[in-house]
Each structure stands twice: as structure tokens, then as C-alpha cells.
Amino acid sequence: MKNFLIIALSLLSFSFMISSAKAVTCFKSGEYVSGLNKICIYDCMGSDTAITIGSTQLCPLTIEN
């Protein structure tokens, strides 16, 4: 029974940590092509984030990070 309670409390705290995380909307700030890839740059509340897509694709205007 003791092991069950420890596992149950661990799962509960883990699910709380996941549900309390908030996604940030990031806005496109630039892009460049490198070979067959396009690197899309985003401003996420002052921090830069990049995603890589195919060079013929369009960068999304926003992403969730």
C-alpha cells in the first residue's frame, strides 16, 4: 500500500508540472535558406527560437513554444 501511495503522489505531482506549463506565442522575425532547408527565426518574448522546414515552404507567422 505504501508503494502505491508513493507512485500515486509522484504521478499527481508530475501531471501538475505538465499542466502548469504555459505555451508562449512566438512571432516570426526572419528567415534564411541553407541548402535544401529554410530556417525560420522567431521572437519568443525576447528570446530567439528557430525551426527548420523545406526551402520551398513558407514560414508560419507564429509558433507556440
N, C-alpha and C. Protein backbone atom coordinates (compact mmCIF):
# COMPACT_ATOMS: atom_id res chain seq x y z
N MET A 1 0.82 -1.20 0.00
CA MET A 1 0.00 0.00 0.00
C MET A 1 0.86 1.26 0.00
N LYS A 2 1.98 1.21 0.75
CA LYS A 2 2.87 2.37 0.82
C LYS A 2 3.46 2.70 -0.56
N ASN A 3 3.88 1.67 -1.30
CA ASN A 3 4.42 1.89 -2.64
C ASN A 3 3.39 2.50 -3.57
N PHE A 4 2.14 2.06 -3.45
CA PHE A 4 1.06 2.60 -4.27
C PHE A 4 0.88 4.09 -4.01
N LEU A 5 0.92 4.50 -2.74
CA LEU A 5 0.77 5.92 -2.41
C LEU A 5 1.93 6.75 -2.96
N ILE A 6 3.13 6.23 -2.89
CA ILE A 6 4.29 6.94 -3.41
C ILE A 6 4.17 7.12 -4.91
N ILE A 7 3.77 6.07 -5.61
CA ILE A 7 3.60 6.16 -7.07
C ILE A 7 2.47 7.12 -7.42
N ALA A 8 1.35 7.05 -6.69
CA ALA A 8 0.20 7.93 -6.97
C ALA A 8 0.59 9.39 -6.75
N LEU A 9 1.30 9.69 -5.67
CA LEU A 9 1.71 11.07 -5.41
C LEU A 9 2.72 11.55 -6.45
N SER A 10 3.61 10.68 -6.90
CA SER A 10 4.58 11.05 -7.94
C SER A 10 3.88 11.39 -9.24
N LEU A 11 2.91 10.57 -9.63
CA LEU A 11 2.16 10.84 -10.87
C LEU A 11 1.36 12.12 -10.76
N LEU A 12 0.78 12.37 -9.60
CA LEU A 12 -0.01 13.59 -9.40
C LEU A 12 0.88 14.82 -9.51
N SER A 13 2.05 14.82 -8.88
CA SER A 13 2.93 15.98 -8.97
C SER A 13 3.46 16.16 -10.39
N PHE A 14 3.74 15.06 -11.11
CA PHE A 14 4.20 15.14 -12.49
C PHE A 14 3.13 15.75 -13.39
N SER A 15 1.88 15.31 -13.24
CA SER A 15 0.80 15.86 -14.07
C SER A 15 0.56 17.32 -13.75
N PHE A 16 0.76 17.75 -12.50
CA PHE A 16 0.61 19.16 -12.14
C PHE A 16 1.68 19.99 -12.81
N MET A 17 2.93 19.49 -12.85
CA MET A 17 4.01 20.23 -13.50
C MET A 17 3.73 20.40 -14.98
N ILE A 18 3.20 19.38 -15.64
CA ILE A 18 2.90 19.46 -17.06
C ILE A 18 1.77 20.45 -17.31
N SER A 19 0.70 20.40 -16.50
CA SER A 19 -0.45 21.27 -16.74
C SER A 19 -0.17 22.72 -16.39
N SER A 20 0.83 22.99 -15.54
CA SER A 20 1.13 24.36 -15.16
C SER A 20 2.04 25.06 -16.17
N ALA A 21 2.64 24.31 -17.09
CA ALA A 21 3.50 24.92 -18.11
C ALA A 21 2.63 25.66 -19.13
N LYS A 22 3.04 26.87 -19.47
CA LYS A 22 2.29 27.69 -20.42
C LYS A 22 3.04 27.83 -21.72
N ALA A 23 2.34 27.70 -22.82
CA ALA A 23 2.94 27.91 -24.14
C ALA A 23 3.04 29.41 -24.42
N VAL A 24 4.09 29.79 -25.10
CA VAL A 24 4.31 31.18 -25.48
C VAL A 24 4.14 31.29 -26.98
N THR A 25 3.41 32.30 -27.43
CA THR A 25 3.27 32.55 -28.86
C THR A 25 4.49 33.34 -29.33
N CYS A 26 5.17 32.81 -30.33
CA CYS A 26 6.37 33.44 -30.88
C CYS A 26 6.06 33.97 -32.27
N PHE A 27 6.59 35.15 -32.56
CA PHE A 27 6.30 35.82 -33.83
C PHE A 27 7.52 35.80 -34.74
N LYS A 28 7.29 35.54 -36.01
CA LYS A 28 8.37 35.44 -36.99
C LYS A 28 9.15 36.75 -37.06
N SER A 29 10.49 36.62 -36.98
CA SER A 29 11.33 37.82 -37.07
C SER A 29 12.32 37.75 -38.23
N GLY A 30 12.43 36.58 -38.88
CA GLY A 30 13.33 36.48 -40.01
C GLY A 30 13.38 35.06 -40.54
N GLU A 31 14.11 34.90 -41.64
CA GLU A 31 14.28 33.58 -42.25
C GLU A 31 15.48 33.62 -43.17
N TYR A 32 16.08 32.45 -43.42
CA TYR A 32 17.13 32.33 -44.42
C TYR A 32 17.17 30.90 -44.93
N VAL A 33 17.72 30.73 -46.13
CA VAL A 33 17.81 29.42 -46.76
C VAL A 33 19.24 28.91 -46.60
N SER A 34 19.33 27.62 -46.26
CA SER A 34 20.63 26.96 -46.13
C SER A 34 20.51 25.61 -46.83
N GLY A 35 21.05 25.53 -48.04
CA GLY A 35 20.94 24.30 -48.81
C GLY A 35 19.49 24.02 -49.19
N LEU A 36 18.98 22.84 -48.82
CA LEU A 36 17.59 22.48 -49.12
C LEU A 36 16.65 22.82 -47.97
N ASN A 37 17.16 23.54 -46.97
CA ASN A 37 16.36 23.89 -45.80
C ASN A 37 16.14 25.39 -45.69
N LYS A 38 15.05 25.76 -45.05
CA LYS A 38 14.80 27.15 -44.70
C LYS A 38 14.76 27.20 -43.18
N ILE A 39 15.48 28.14 -42.60
CA ILE A 39 15.49 28.34 -41.16
C ILE A 39 14.62 29.55 -40.86
N CYS A 40 13.58 29.32 -40.07
CA CYS A 40 12.65 30.38 -39.70
C CYS A 40 12.98 30.82 -38.27
N ILE A 41 13.18 32.12 -38.08
CA ILE A 41 13.57 32.67 -36.78
C ILE A 41 12.35 33.35 -36.15
N TYR A 42 12.16 33.13 -34.85
CA TYR A 42 11.02 33.66 -34.12
C TYR A 42 11.46 34.37 -32.85
N ASP A 43 10.74 35.43 -32.49
CA ASP A 43 10.95 36.15 -31.24
C ASP A 43 9.94 35.63 -30.24
N CYS A 44 10.45 35.00 -29.19
CA CYS A 44 9.60 34.44 -28.13
C CYS A 44 9.82 35.26 -26.86
N MET A 45 9.15 36.37 -26.76
CA MET A 45 9.25 37.26 -25.60
C MET A 45 10.70 37.61 -25.28
N GLY A 46 11.46 37.98 -26.31
CA GLY A 46 12.83 38.42 -26.12
C GLY A 46 13.89 37.37 -26.40
N SER A 47 13.50 36.10 -26.51
CA SER A 47 14.45 35.04 -26.84
C SER A 47 14.19 34.56 -28.26
N ASP A 48 15.26 34.30 -28.99
CA ASP A 48 15.12 33.80 -30.35
C ASP A 48 14.96 32.28 -30.35
N THR A 49 14.09 31.79 -31.22
CA THR A 49 13.89 30.36 -31.44
C THR A 49 13.84 30.13 -32.94
N ALA A 50 14.34 28.99 -33.39
CA ALA A 50 14.37 28.69 -34.82
C ALA A 50 13.73 27.33 -35.08
N ILE A 51 13.08 27.22 -36.25
CA ILE A 51 12.60 25.93 -36.75
C ILE A 51 13.17 25.75 -38.15
N THR A 52 13.31 24.52 -38.57
CA THR A 52 13.81 24.20 -39.90
C THR A 52 12.71 23.53 -40.71
N ILE A 53 12.50 24.04 -41.92
CA ILE A 53 11.49 23.48 -42.83
C ILE A 53 12.13 23.33 -44.21
N GLY A 54 11.39 22.78 -45.14
CA GLY A 54 11.88 22.68 -46.51
C GLY A 54 12.02 24.06 -47.14
N SER A 55 13.01 24.20 -48.02
CA SER A 55 13.32 25.53 -48.58
C SER A 55 12.18 26.11 -49.43
N THR A 56 11.28 25.27 -49.91
CA THR A 56 10.17 25.78 -50.73
C THR A 56 8.92 26.08 -49.90
N GLN A 57 8.96 25.76 -48.61
CA GLN A 57 7.80 26.00 -47.74
C GLN A 57 7.81 27.43 -47.23
N LEU A 58 6.65 27.90 -46.78
CA LEU A 58 6.53 29.21 -46.16
C LEU A 58 6.64 29.09 -44.65
N CYS A 59 7.39 29.99 -44.04
CA CYS A 59 7.49 30.00 -42.58
C CYS A 59 6.14 30.43 -42.00
N PRO A 60 5.66 29.73 -40.96
CA PRO A 60 4.44 30.20 -40.28
C PRO A 60 4.71 31.57 -39.64
N LEU A 61 3.69 32.39 -39.57
CA LEU A 61 3.85 33.72 -38.97
C LEU A 61 4.03 33.64 -37.47
N THR A 62 3.45 32.61 -36.84
CA THR A 62 3.60 32.40 -35.40
C THR A 62 3.80 30.92 -35.13
N ILE A 63 4.44 30.63 -33.99
CA ILE A 63 4.55 29.26 -33.50
C ILE A 63 4.31 29.29 -31.99
N GLU A 64 3.97 28.15 -31.43
CA GLU A 64 3.84 28.01 -29.98
C GLU A 64 5.11 27.34 -29.47
N ASN A 65 5.68 27.92 -28.42
CA ASN A 65 6.91 27.35 -27.87
C ASN A 65 6.75 27.14 -26.38
